[in-house]
Amino acid sequence: MPSRAVKHIVLIKFKDHMTDDQIKEVIDGYRALPGRIEAMKGFEWGTDVSVEGLSEGYTHCFVTTFENIDGRNAYLPHPAHQAYVEKLLPCVDKLLVLDYHPQEVILD
């Protein structure tokens, strides 16, 4: 079977007491990981701009791309990732993680 890319999606709802500066610090910590973890081949993030009202309180989305499942598996226990998770978890009210293999993209 050929190697298949993996997308790692993290949705976060920060605790209400978190200030903008504290949230920025958490985001900056995540943004620094691709420079420390070789398996991270792509990284992007953003805040919810949906008008549908279906976000269930999640405000931030982070997407990491790995070349394959082995890359994702190397990332999860990586010391830099584990250290980041220890700092992240006390800051979040809700966290959702989903990994998937991207399928075809159709653009008109």
PDB file of N, CA and C in Angstrom:
ATOM      1  N   MET A   1       0.841  -1.177   0.000  1.00  0.00           N
ATOM      2  CA  MET A   1       0.000   0.000   0.000  1.00  0.00           C
ATOM      3  C   MET A   1       0.893   1.250   0.000  1.00  0.00           C
ATOM      4  N   PRO A   2       0.598   2.233  -0.867  1.00  0.00           N
ATOM      5  CA  PRO A   2       1.427   3.444  -0.905  1.00  0.00           C
ATOM      6  C   PRO A   2       1.253   4.267   0.373  1.00  0.00           C
ATOM      7  N   SER A   3       2.272   5.056   0.670  1.00  0.00           N
ATOM      8  CA  SER A   3       2.229   5.938   1.826  1.00  0.00           C
ATOM      9  C   SER A   3       1.142   6.992   1.616  1.00  0.00           C
ATOM     10  N   ARG A   4       0.344   7.251   2.633  1.00  0.00           N
ATOM     11  CA  ARG A   4      -0.742   8.218   2.531  1.00  0.00           C
ATOM     12  C   ARG A   4      -0.549   9.323   3.560  1.00  0.00           C
ATOM     13  N   ALA A   5      -0.759  10.555   3.121  1.00  0.00           N
ATOM     14  CA  ALA A   5      -0.653  11.695   4.026  1.00  0.00           C
ATOM     15  C   ALA A   5      -1.693  11.579   5.141  1.00  0.00           C
ATOM     16  N   VAL A   6      -1.406  12.244   6.247  1.00  0.00           N
ATOM     17  CA  VAL A   6      -2.326  12.303   7.380  1.00  0.00           C
ATOM     18  C   VAL A   6      -2.492  13.765   7.780  1.00  0.00           C
ATOM     19  N   LYS A   7      -3.728  14.182   7.966  1.00  0.00           N
ATOM     20  CA  LYS A   7      -4.047  15.503   8.510  1.00  0.00           C
ATOM     21  C   LYS A   7      -4.457  15.310   9.963  1.00  0.00           C
ATOM     22  N   HIS A   8      -3.895  16.120  10.830  1.00  0.00           N
ATOM     23  CA  HIS A   8      -4.148  16.067  12.272  1.00  0.00           C
ATOM     24  C   HIS A   8      -4.846  17.376  12.635  1.00  0.00           C
ATOM     25  N   ILE A   9      -6.133  17.292  12.979  1.00  0.00           N
ATOM     26  CA  ILE A   9      -6.952  18.459  13.269  1.00  0.00           C
ATOM     27  C   ILE A   9      -7.140  18.572  14.777  1.00  0.00           C
ATOM     28  N   VAL A  10      -6.894  19.766  15.323  1.00  0.00           N
ATOM     29  CA  VAL A  10      -7.115  20.031  16.738  1.00  0.00           C
ATOM     30  C   VAL A  10      -8.032  21.238  16.854  1.00  0.00           C
ATOM     31  N   LEU A  11      -9.172  21.067  17.514  1.00  0.00           N
ATOM     32  CA  LEU A  11     -10.097  22.157  17.790  1.00  0.00           C
ATOM     33  C   LEU A  11     -10.030  22.474  19.276  1.00  0.00           C
ATOM     34  N   ILE A  12      -9.982  23.767  19.592  1.00  0.00           N
ATOM     35  CA  ILE A  12      -9.820  24.183  20.986  1.00  0.00           C
ATOM     36  C   ILE A  12     -10.851  25.239  21.354  1.00  0.00           C
ATOM     37  N   LYS A  13     -11.399  25.080  22.537  1.00  0.00           N
ATOM     38  CA  LYS A  13     -12.152  26.143  23.209  1.00  0.00           C
ATOM     39  C   LYS A  13     -11.355  26.453  24.460  1.00  0.00           C
ATOM     40  N   PHE A  14     -10.779  27.660  24.505  1.00  0.00           N
ATOM     41  CA  PHE A  14      -9.988  28.048  25.661  1.00  0.00           C
ATOM     42  C   PHE A  14     -10.890  28.348  26.856  1.00  0.00           C
ATOM     43  N   LYS A  15     -10.349  28.207  28.054  1.00  0.00           N
ATOM     44  CA  LYS A  15     -11.086  28.545  29.273  1.00  0.00           C
ATOM     45  C   LYS A  15     -11.422  30.038  29.253  1.00  0.00           C
ATOM     46  N   ASP A  16     -12.553  30.376  29.833  1.00  0.00           N
ATOM     47  CA  ASP A  16     -13.046  31.752  29.798  1.00  0.00           C
ATOM     48  C   ASP A  16     -12.085  32.749  30.430  1.00  0.00           C
ATOM     49  N   HIS A  17     -11.324  32.341  31.423  1.00  0.00           N
ATOM     50  CA  HIS A  17     -10.428  33.266  32.118  1.00  0.00           C
ATOM     51  C   HIS A  17      -9.153  33.575  31.333  1.00  0.00           C
ATOM     52  N   MET A  18      -8.929  32.875  30.226  1.00  0.00           N
ATOM     53  CA  MET A  18      -7.706  33.096  29.444  1.00  0.00           C
ATOM     54  C   MET A  18      -7.741  34.474  28.788  1.00  0.00           C
ATOM     55  N   THR A  19      -6.650  35.224  28.933  1.00  0.00           N
ATOM     56  CA  THR A  19      -6.545  36.538  28.288  1.00  0.00           C
ATOM     57  C   THR A  19      -6.055  36.363  26.857  1.00  0.00           C
ATOM     58  N   ASP A  20      -6.189  37.407  26.066  1.00  0.00           N
ATOM     59  CA  ASP A  20      -5.688  37.357  24.688  1.00  0.00           C
ATOM     60  C   ASP A  20      -4.188  37.077  24.667  1.00  0.00           C
ATOM     61  N   ASP A  21      -3.445  37.662  25.580  1.00  0.00           N
ATOM     62  CA  ASP A  21      -1.999  37.431  25.635  1.00  0.00           C
ATOM     63  C   ASP A  21      -1.681  35.982  25.988  1.00  0.00           C
ATOM     64  N   GLN A  22      -2.437  35.401  26.899  1.00  0.00           N
ATOM     65  CA  GLN A  22      -2.219  34.004  27.273  1.00  0.00           C
ATOM     66  C   GLN A  22      -2.549  33.074  26.103  1.00  0.00           C
ATOM     67  N   ILE A  23      -3.628  33.371  25.391  1.00  0.00           N
ATOM     68  CA  ILE A  23      -3.990  32.570  24.220  1.00  0.00           C
ATOM     69  C   ILE A  23      -2.918  32.689  23.153  1.00  0.00           C
ATOM     70  N   LYS A  24      -2.413  33.902  22.939  1.00  0.00           N
ATOM     71  CA  LYS A  24      -1.343  34.105  21.956  1.00  0.00           C
ATOM     72  C   LYS A  24      -0.109  33.283  22.326  1.00  0.00           C
ATOM     73  N   GLU A  25       0.205  33.218  23.598  1.00  0.00           N
ATOM     74  CA  GLU A  25       1.360  32.438  24.051  1.00  0.00           C
ATOM     75  C   GLU A  25       1.169  30.952  23.752  1.00  0.00           C
ATOM     76  N   VAL A  26      -0.038  30.453  23.968  1.00  0.00           N
ATOM     77  CA  VAL A  26      -0.335  29.049  23.671  1.00  0.00           C
ATOM     78  C   VAL A  26      -0.220  28.799  22.161  1.00  0.00           C
ATOM     79  N   ILE A  27      -0.768  29.699  21.372  1.00  0.00           N
ATOM     80  CA  ILE A  27      -0.699  29.560  19.910  1.00  0.00           C
ATOM     81  C   ILE A  27       0.754  29.610  19.445  1.00  0.00           C
ATOM     82  N   ASP A  28       1.515  30.562  19.974  1.00  0.00           N
ATOM     83  CA  ASP A  28       2.931  30.671  19.588  1.00  0.00           C
ATOM     84  C   ASP A  28       3.695  29.396  19.926  1.00  0.00           C
ATOM     85  N   GLY A  29       3.337  28.747  21.027  1.00  0.00           N
ATOM     86  CA  GLY A  29       3.977  27.480  21.384  1.00  0.00           C
ATOM     87  C   GLY A  29       3.692  26.403  20.357  1.00  0.00           C
ATOM     88  N   TYR A  30       2.458  26.360  19.872  1.00  0.00           N
ATOM     89  CA  TYR A  30       2.094  25.373  18.840  1.00  0.00           C
ATOM     90  C   TYR A  30       2.812  25.717  17.534  1.00  0.00           C
ATOM     91  N   ARG A  31       2.830  27.004  17.185  1.00  0.00           N
ATOM     92  CA  ARG A  31       3.478  27.441  15.946  1.00  0.00           C
ATOM     93  C   ARG A  31       4.972  27.122  15.924  1.00  0.00           C
ATOM     94  N   ALA A  32       5.577  26.993  17.084  1.00  0.00           N
ATOM     95  CA  ALA A  32       7.013  26.697  17.161  1.00  0.00           C
ATOM     96  C   ALA A  32       7.322  25.219  16.936  1.00  0.00           C
ATOM     97  N   LEU A  33       6.336  24.355  17.081  1.00  0.00           N
ATOM     98  CA  LEU A  33       6.600  22.915  16.989  1.00  0.00           C
ATOM     99  C   LEU A  33       7.142  22.453  15.638  1.00  0.00           C
ATOM    100  N   PRO A  34       6.669  22.972  14.487  1.00  0.00           N
ATOM    101  CA  PRO A  34       7.226  22.474  13.217  1.00  0.00           C
ATOM    102  C   PRO A  34       8.742  22.672  13.105  1.00  0.00           C
ATOM    103  N   GLY A  35       9.283  23.674  13.757  1.00  0.00           N
ATOM    104  CA  GLY A  35      10.726  23.883  13.753  1.00  0.00           C
ATOM    105  C   GLY A  35      11.477  22.919  14.651  1.00  0.00           C
ATOM    106  N   ARG A  36      10.735  22.207  15.483  1.00  0.00           N
ATOM    107  CA  ARG A  36      11.352  21.281  16.448  1.00  0.00           C
ATOM    108  C   ARG A  36      11.027  19.823  16.158  1.00  0.00           C
ATOM    109  N   ILE A  37       9.986  19.591  15.346  1.00  0.00           N
ATOM    110  CA  ILE A  37       9.552  18.220  15.065  1.00  0.00           C
ATOM    111  C   ILE A  37       9.539  18.019  13.558  1.00  0.00           C
ATOM    112  N   GLU A  38      10.522  17.290  13.075  1.00  0.00           N
ATOM    113  CA  GLU A  38      10.714  17.103  11.634  1.00  0.00           C
ATOM    114  C   GLU A  38       9.505  16.474  10.946  1.00  0.00           C
ATOM    115  N   ALA A  39       8.775  15.649  11.634  1.00  0.00           N
ATOM    116  CA  ALA A  39       7.640  14.945  11.027  1.00  0.00           C
ATOM    117  C   ALA A  39       6.514  15.888  10.612  1.00  0.00           C
ATOM    118  N   MET A  40       6.465  17.090  11.187  1.00  0.00           N
ATOM    119  CA  MET A  40       5.426  18.060  10.834  1.00  0.00           C
ATOM    120  C   MET A  40       5.785  18.701   9.494  1.00  0.00           C
ATOM    121  N   LYS A  41       5.094  18.293   8.438  1.00  0.00           N
ATOM    122  CA  LYS A  41       5.416  18.771   7.081  1.00  0.00           C
ATOM    123  C   LYS A  41       4.595  19.982   6.676  1.00  0.00           C
ATOM    124  N   GLY A  42       3.510  20.231   7.356  1.00  0.00           N
ATOM    125  CA  GLY A  42       2.685  21.396   7.095  1.00  0.00           C
ATOM    126  C   GLY A  42       1.946  21.767   8.363  1.00  0.00           C
ATOM    127  N   PHE A  43       1.714  23.061   8.557  1.00  0.00           N
ATOM    128  CA  PHE A  43       1.007  23.517   9.750  1.00  0.00           C
ATOM    129  C   PHE A  43       0.267  24.798   9.419  1.00  0.00           C
ATOM    130  N   GLU A  44      -0.997  24.863   9.846  1.00  0.00           N
ATOM    131  CA  GLU A  44      -1.771  26.089   9.703  1.00  0.00           C
ATOM    132  C   GLU A  44      -2.759  26.170  10.851  1.00  0.00           C
ATOM    133  N   TRP A  45      -3.229  27.364  11.109  1.00  0.00           N
ATOM    134  CA  TRP A  45      -4.192  27.544  12.185  1.00  0.00           C
ATOM    135  C   TRP A  45      -5.040  28.762  11.881  1.00  0.00           C
ATOM    136  N   GLY A  46      -6.158  28.849  12.582  1.00  0.00           N
ATOM    137  CA  GLY A  46      -7.029  30.007  12.438  1.00  0.00           C
ATOM    138  C   GLY A  46      -8.109  29.976  13.501  1.00  0.00           C
ATOM    139  N   THR A  47      -8.879  31.063  13.524  1.00  0.00           N
ATOM    140  CA  THR A  47      -9.987  31.178  14.462  1.00  0.00           C
ATOM    141  C   THR A  47     -11.302  31.055  13.707  1.00  0.00           C
ATOM    142  N   ASP A  48     -12.328  30.644  14.415  1.00  0.00           N
ATOM    143  CA  ASP A  48     -13.643  30.419  13.823  1.00  0.00           C
ATOM    144  C   ASP A  48     -14.214  31.704  13.250  1.00  0.00           C
ATOM    145  N   VAL A  49     -14.636  31.651  11.999  1.00  0.00           N
ATOM    146  CA  VAL A  49     -15.304  32.784  11.345  1.00  0.00           C
ATOM    147  C   VAL A  49     -16.657  32.360  10.781  1.00  0.00           C
ATOM    148  N   SER A  50     -17.134  31.192  11.186  1.00  0.00           N
ATOM    149  CA  SER A  50     -18.401  30.677  10.688  1.00  0.00           C
ATOM    150  C   SER A  50     -19.563  31.534  11.184  1.00  0.00           C
ATOM    151  N   VAL A  51     -20.589  31.653  10.351  1.00  0.00           N
ATOM    152  CA  VAL A  51     -21.809  32.367  10.731  1.00  0.00           C
ATOM    153  C   VAL A  51     -22.944  31.392  11.032  1.00  0.00           C
ATOM    154  N   GLU A  52     -22.651  30.090  10.982  1.00  0.00           N
ATOM    155  CA  GLU A  52     -23.687  29.074  11.153  1.00  0.00           C
ATOM    156  C   GLU A  52     -24.054  28.798  12.612  1.00  0.00           C
ATOM    157  N   GLY A  53     -23.187  29.188  13.539  1.00  0.00           N
ATOM    158  CA  GLY A  53     -23.464  28.952  14.943  1.00  0.00           C
ATOM    159  C   GLY A  53     -23.378  27.497  15.357  1.00  0.00           C
ATOM    160  N   LEU A  54     -22.556  26.721  14.681  1.00  0.00           N
ATOM    161  CA  LEU A  54     -22.447  25.287  14.972  1.00  0.00           C
ATOM    162  C   LEU A  54     -21.093  24.898  15.562  1.00  0.00           C
ATOM    163  N   SER A  55     -20.320  25.863  16.007  1.00  0.00           N
ATOM    164  CA  SER A  55     -18.959  25.585  16.485  1.00  0.00           C
ATOM    165  C   SER A  55     -18.923  24.938  17.870  1.00  0.00           C
ATOM    166  N   GLU A  56     -20.032  24.902  18.565  1.00  0.00           N
ATOM    167  CA  GLU A  56     -20.121  24.310  19.903  1.00  0.00           C
ATOM    168  C   GLU A  56     -19.072  24.884  20.858  1.00  0.00           C
ATOM    169  N   GLY A  57     -18.727  26.142  20.655  1.00  0.00           N
ATOM    170  CA  GLY A  57     -17.792  26.825  21.543  1.00  0.00           C
ATOM    171  C   GLY A  57     -16.343  26.749  21.127  1.00  0.00           C
ATOM    172  N   TYR A  58     -16.008  25.890  20.172  1.00  0.00           N
ATOM    173  CA  TYR A  58     -14.626  25.815  19.695  1.00  0.00           C
ATOM    174  C   TYR A  58     -14.298  27.103  18.948  1.00  0.00           C
ATOM    175  N   THR A  59     -13.152  27.679  19.250  1.00  0.00           N
ATOM    176  CA  THR A  59     -12.776  28.969  18.662  1.00  0.00           C
ATOM    177  C   THR A  59     -11.523  28.900  17.793  1.00  0.00           C
ATOM    178  N   HIS A  60     -10.681  27.906  18.012  1.00  0.00           N
ATOM    179  CA  HIS A  60      -9.406  27.823  17.308  1.00  0.00           C
ATOM    180  C   HIS A  60      -9.249  26.445  16.665  1.00  0.00           C
ATOM    181  N   CYS A  61      -8.685  26.448  15.452  1.00  0.00           N
ATOM    182  CA  CYS A  61      -8.448  25.213  14.714  1.00  0.00           C
ATOM    183  C   CYS A  61      -6.983  25.173  14.291  1.00  0.00           C
ATOM    184  N   PHE A  62      -6.368  24.025  14.487  1.00  0.00           N
ATOM    185  CA  PHE A  62      -4.976  23.800  14.107  1.00  0.00           C
ATOM    186  C   PHE A  62      -4.923  22.560  13.225  1.00  0.00           C
ATOM    187  N   VAL A  63      -4.210  22.658  12.099  1.00  0.00           N
ATOM    188  CA  VAL A  63      -4.116  21.533  11.168  1.00  0.00           C
ATOM    189  C   VAL A  63      -2.641  21.257  10.894  1.00  0.00           C
ATOM    190  N   THR A  64      -2.223  20.041  11.190  1.00  0.00           N
ATOM    191  CA  THR A  64      -0.860  19.609  10.890  1.00  0.00           C
ATOM    192  C   THR A  64      -0.928  18.527   9.822  1.00  0.00           C
ATOM    193  N   THR A  65      -0.007  18.596   8.876  1.00  0.00           N
ATOM    194  CA  THR A  65       0.089  17.585   7.825  1.00  0.00           C
ATOM    195  C   THR A  65       1.341  16.746   8.044  1.00  0.00           C
ATOM    196  N   PHE A  66       1.150  15.443   7.958  1.00  0.00           N
ATOM    197  CA  PHE A  66       2.254  14.491   8.033  1.00  0.00           C
ATOM    198  C   PHE A  66       2.310  13.717   6.724  1.00  0.00           C
ATOM    199  N   GLU A  67       3.505  13.315   6.302  1.00  0.00           N
ATOM    200  CA  GLU A  67       3.644  12.550   5.060  1.00  0.00           C
ATOM    201  C   GLU A  67       2.900  11.232   5.118  1.00  0.00           C
ATOM    202  N   ASN A  68       2.853  10.654   6.316  1.00  0.00           N
ATOM    203  CA  ASN A  68       2.225   9.339   6.466  1.00  0.00           C
ATOM    204  C   ASN A  68       1.923   9.090   7.941  1.00  0.00           C
ATOM    205  N   ILE A  69       1.340   7.955   8.211  1.00  0.00           N
ATOM    206  CA  ILE A  69       0.956   7.607   9.578  1.00  0.00           C
ATOM    207  C   ILE A  69       2.176   7.479  10.489  1.00  0.00           C
ATOM    208  N   ASP A  70       3.311   7.072   9.924  1.00  0.00           N
ATOM    209  CA  ASP A  70       4.535   6.970  10.725  1.00  0.00           C
ATOM    210  C   ASP A  70       4.965   8.338  11.247  1.00  0.00           C
ATOM    211  N   GLY A  71       4.813   9.370  10.414  1.00  0.00           N
ATOM    212  CA  GLY A  71       5.133  10.730  10.845  1.00  0.00           C
ATOM    213  C   GLY A  71       4.250  11.171  11.998  1.00  0.00           C
ATOM    214  N   ARG A  72       2.953  10.896  11.867  1.00  0.00           N
ATOM    215  CA  ARG A  72       2.026  11.235  12.950  1.00  0.00           C
ATOM    216  C   ARG A  72       2.374  10.464  14.210  1.00  0.00           C
ATOM    217  N   ASN A  73       2.716   9.188  14.050  1.00  0.00           N
ATOM    218  CA  ASN A  73       3.054   8.355  15.200  1.00  0.00           C
ATOM    219  C   ASN A  73       4.349   8.807  15.877  1.00  0.00           C
ATOM    220  N   ALA A  74       5.274   9.374  15.111  1.00  0.00           N
ATOM    221  CA  ALA A  74       6.508   9.904  15.689  1.00  0.00           C
ATOM    222  C   ALA A  74       6.249  11.225  16.420  1.00  0.00           C
ATOM    223  N   TYR A  75       5.305  12.004  15.923  1.00  0.00           N
ATOM    224  CA  TYR A  75       4.953  13.308  16.499  1.00  0.00           C
ATOM    225  C   TYR A  75       4.308  13.180  17.883  1.00  0.00           C
ATOM    226  N   LEU A  76       3.379  12.257  18.017  1.00  0.00           N
ATOM    227  CA  LEU A  76       2.599  12.167  19.253  1.00  0.00           C
ATOM    228  C   LEU A  76       3.460  12.013  20.508  1.00  0.00           C
ATOM    229  N   PRO A  77       4.436  11.088  20.549  1.00  0.00           N
ATOM    230  CA  PRO A  77       5.246  10.946  21.766  1.00  0.00           C
ATOM    231  C   PRO A  77       6.485  11.856  21.787  1.00  0.00           C
ATOM    232  N   HIS A  78       6.692  12.643  20.730  1.00  0.00           N
ATOM    233  CA  HIS A  78       7.888  13.493  20.653  1.00  0.00           C
ATOM    234  C   HIS A  78       7.961  14.384  21.905  1.00  0.00           C
ATOM    235  N   PRO A  79       9.142  14.493  22.514  1.00  0.00           N
ATOM    236  CA  PRO A  79       9.269  15.292  23.748  1.00  0.00           C
ATOM    237  C   PRO A  79       8.785  16.738  23.600  1.00  0.00           C
ATOM    238  N   ALA A  80       9.016  17.365  22.453  1.00  0.00           N
ATOM    239  CA  ALA A  80       8.555  18.750  22.261  1.00  0.00           C
ATOM    240  C   ALA A  80       7.030  18.809  22.234  1.00  0.00           C
ATOM    241  N   HIS A  81       6.402  17.836  21.605  1.00  0.00           N
ATOM    242  CA  HIS A  81       4.937  17.788  21.573  1.00  0.00           C
ATOM    243  C   HIS A  81       4.387  17.511  22.972  1.00  0.00           C
ATOM    244  N   GLN A  82       4.967  16.571  23.671  1.00  0.00           N
ATOM    245  CA  GLN A  82       4.490  16.239  25.013  1.00  0.00           C
ATOM    246  C   GLN A  82       4.635  17.426  25.971  1.00  0.00           C
ATOM    247  N   ALA A  83       5.740  18.159  25.868  1.00  0.00           N
ATOM    248  CA  ALA A  83       5.937  19.346  26.710  1.00  0.00           C
ATOM    249  C   ALA A  83       4.887  20.406  26.386  1.00  0.00           C
ATOM    250  N   TYR A  84       4.578  20.553  25.094  1.00  0.00           N
ATOM    251  CA  TYR A  84       3.550  21.519  24.699  1.00  0.00           C
ATOM    252  C   TYR A  84       2.179  21.112  25.244  1.00  0.00           C
ATOM    253  N   VAL A  85       1.837  19.846  25.134  1.00  0.00           N
ATOM    254  CA  VAL A  85       0.539  19.362  25.611  1.00  0.00           C
ATOM    255  C   VAL A  85       0.389  19.636  27.110  1.00  0.00           C
ATOM    256  N   GLU A  86       1.453  19.463  27.877  1.00  0.00           N
ATOM    257  CA  GLU A  86       1.401  19.732  29.318  1.00  0.00           C
ATOM    258  C   GLU A  86       1.061  21.191  29.595  1.00  0.00           C
ATOM    259  N   LYS A  87       1.542  22.111  28.760  1.00  0.00           N
ATOM    260  CA  LYS A  87       1.236  23.533  28.922  1.00  0.00           C
ATOM    261  C   LYS A  87      -0.149  23.869  28.390  1.00  0.00           C
ATOM    262  N   LEU A  88      -0.574  23.157  27.352  1.00  0.00           N
ATOM    263  CA  LEU A  88      -1.859  23.430  26.707  1.00  0.00           C
ATOM    264  C   LEU A  88      -3.052  23.009  27.556  1.00  0.00           C
ATOM    265  N   LEU A  89      -3.042  21.800  28.055  1.00  0.00           N
ATOM    266  CA  LEU A  89      -4.231  21.220  28.689  1.00  0.00           C
ATOM    267  C   LEU A  89      -4.830  22.067  29.814  1.00  0.00           C
ATOM    268  N   PRO A  90      -4.031  22.692  30.681  1.00  0.00           N
ATOM    269  CA  PRO A  90      -4.647  23.521  31.717  1.00  0.00           C
ATOM    270  C   PRO A  90      -5.361  24.765  31.172  1.00  0.00           C
ATOM    271  N   CYS A  91      -5.135  25.094  29.917  1.00  0.00           N
ATOM    272  CA  CYS A  91      -5.694  26.307  29.310  1.00  0.00           C
ATOM    273  C   CYS A  91      -6.996  26.072  28.565  1.00  0.00           C
ATOM    274  N   VAL A  92      -7.355  24.809  28.344  1.00  0.00           N
ATOM    275  CA  VAL A  92      -8.499  24.525  27.480  1.00  0.00           C
ATOM    276  C   VAL A  92      -9.708  24.038  28.273  1.00  0.00           C
ATOM    277  N   ASP A  93     -10.868  24.467  27.788  1.00  0.00           N
ATOM    278  CA  ASP A  93     -12.137  24.017  28.326  1.00  0.00           C
ATOM    279  C   ASP A  93     -12.606  22.776  27.570  1.00  0.00           C
ATOM    280  N   LYS A  94     -12.420  22.813  26.243  1.00  0.00           N
ATOM    281  CA  LYS A  94     -12.788  21.679  25.385  1.00  0.00           C
ATOM    282  C   LYS A  94     -11.710  21.492  24.336  1.00  0.00           C
ATOM    283  N   LEU A  95     -11.469  20.226  23.991  1.00  0.00           N
ATOM    284  CA  LEU A  95     -10.450  19.883  23.009  1.00  0.00           C
ATOM    285  C   LEU A  95     -10.984  18.733  22.170  1.00  0.00           C
ATOM    286  N   LEU A  96     -10.843  18.839  20.863  1.00  0.00           N
ATOM    287  CA  LEU A  96     -11.269  17.783  19.951  1.00  0.00           C
ATOM    288  C   LEU A  96     -10.129  17.519  18.979  1.00  0.00           C
ATOM    289  N   VAL A  97      -9.769  16.261  18.812  1.00  0.00           N
ATOM    290  CA  VAL A  97      -8.693  15.878  17.902  1.00  0.00           C
ATOM    291  C   VAL A  97      -9.233  14.852  16.920  1.00  0.00           C
ATOM    292  N   LEU A  98      -8.916  15.062  15.648  1.00  0.00           N
ATOM    293  CA  LEU A  98      -9.347  14.150  14.593  1.00  0.00           C
ATOM    294  C   LEU A  98      -8.222  14.024  13.584  1.00  0.00           C
ATOM    295  N   ASP A  99      -7.878  12.797  13.222  1.00  0.00           N
ATOM    296  CA  ASP A  99      -6.878  12.537  12.186  1.00  0.00           C
ATOM    297  C   ASP A  99      -7.573  11.870  11.016  1.00  0.00           C
ATOM    298  N   TYR A 100      -7.130  12.215   9.802  1.00  0.00           N
ATOM    299  CA  TYR A 100      -7.727  11.581   8.627  1.00  0.00           C
ATOM    300  C   TYR A 100      -6.732  11.552   7.480  1.00  0.00           C
ATOM    301  N   HIS A 101      -6.993  10.647   6.536  1.00  0.00           N
ATOM    302  CA  HIS A 101      -6.238  10.594   5.291  1.00  0.00           C
ATOM    303  C   HIS A 101      -7.018  11.440   4.281  1.00  0.00           C
ATOM    304  N   PRO A 102      -6.403  12.494   3.740  1.00  0.00           N
ATOM    305  CA  PRO A 102      -7.115  13.325   2.766  1.00  0.00           C
ATOM    306  C   PRO A 102      -7.519  12.510   1.544  1.00  0.00           C
ATOM    307  N   GLN A 103      -8.709  12.748   1.078  1.00  0.00           N
ATOM    308  CA  GLN A 103      -9.214  12.139  -0.140  1.00  0.00           C
ATOM    309  C   GLN A 103      -9.052  13.155  -1.267  1.00  0.00           C
ATOM    310  N   GLU A 104      -9.646  12.900  -2.374  1.00  0.00           N
ATOM    311  CA  GLU A 104      -9.495  13.773  -3.536  1.00  0.00           C
ATOM    312  C   GLU A 104     -10.080  15.155  -3.279  1.00  0.00           C
ATOM    313  N   VAL A 105      -9.525  16.119  -3.966  1.00  0.00           N
ATOM    314  CA  VAL A 105     -10.000  17.489  -3.913  1.00  0.00           C
ATOM    315  C   VAL A 105     -10.553  17.839  -5.284  1.00  0.00           C
ATOM    316  N   ILE A 106     -11.765  18.351  -5.318  1.00  0.00           N
ATOM    317  CA  ILE A 106     -12.385  18.745  -6.575  1.00  0.00           C
ATOM    318  C   ILE A 106     -12.623  20.234  -6.536  1.00  0.00           C
ATOM    319  N   LEU A 107     -12.004  20.954  -7.450  1.00  0.00           N
ATOM    320  CA  LEU A 107     -12.187  22.402  -7.548  1.00  0.00           C
ATOM    321  C   LEU A 107     -12.749  22.730  -8.927  1.00  0.00           C
ATOM    322  N   ASP A 108     -13.740  23.564  -8.948  1.00  0.00           N
ATOM    323  CA  ASP A 108     -14.304  24.000 -10.241  1.00  0.00           C
ATOM    324  C   ASP A 108     -13.576  25.185 -10.786  1.00  0.00           C
TER     325      ASP A 108
END
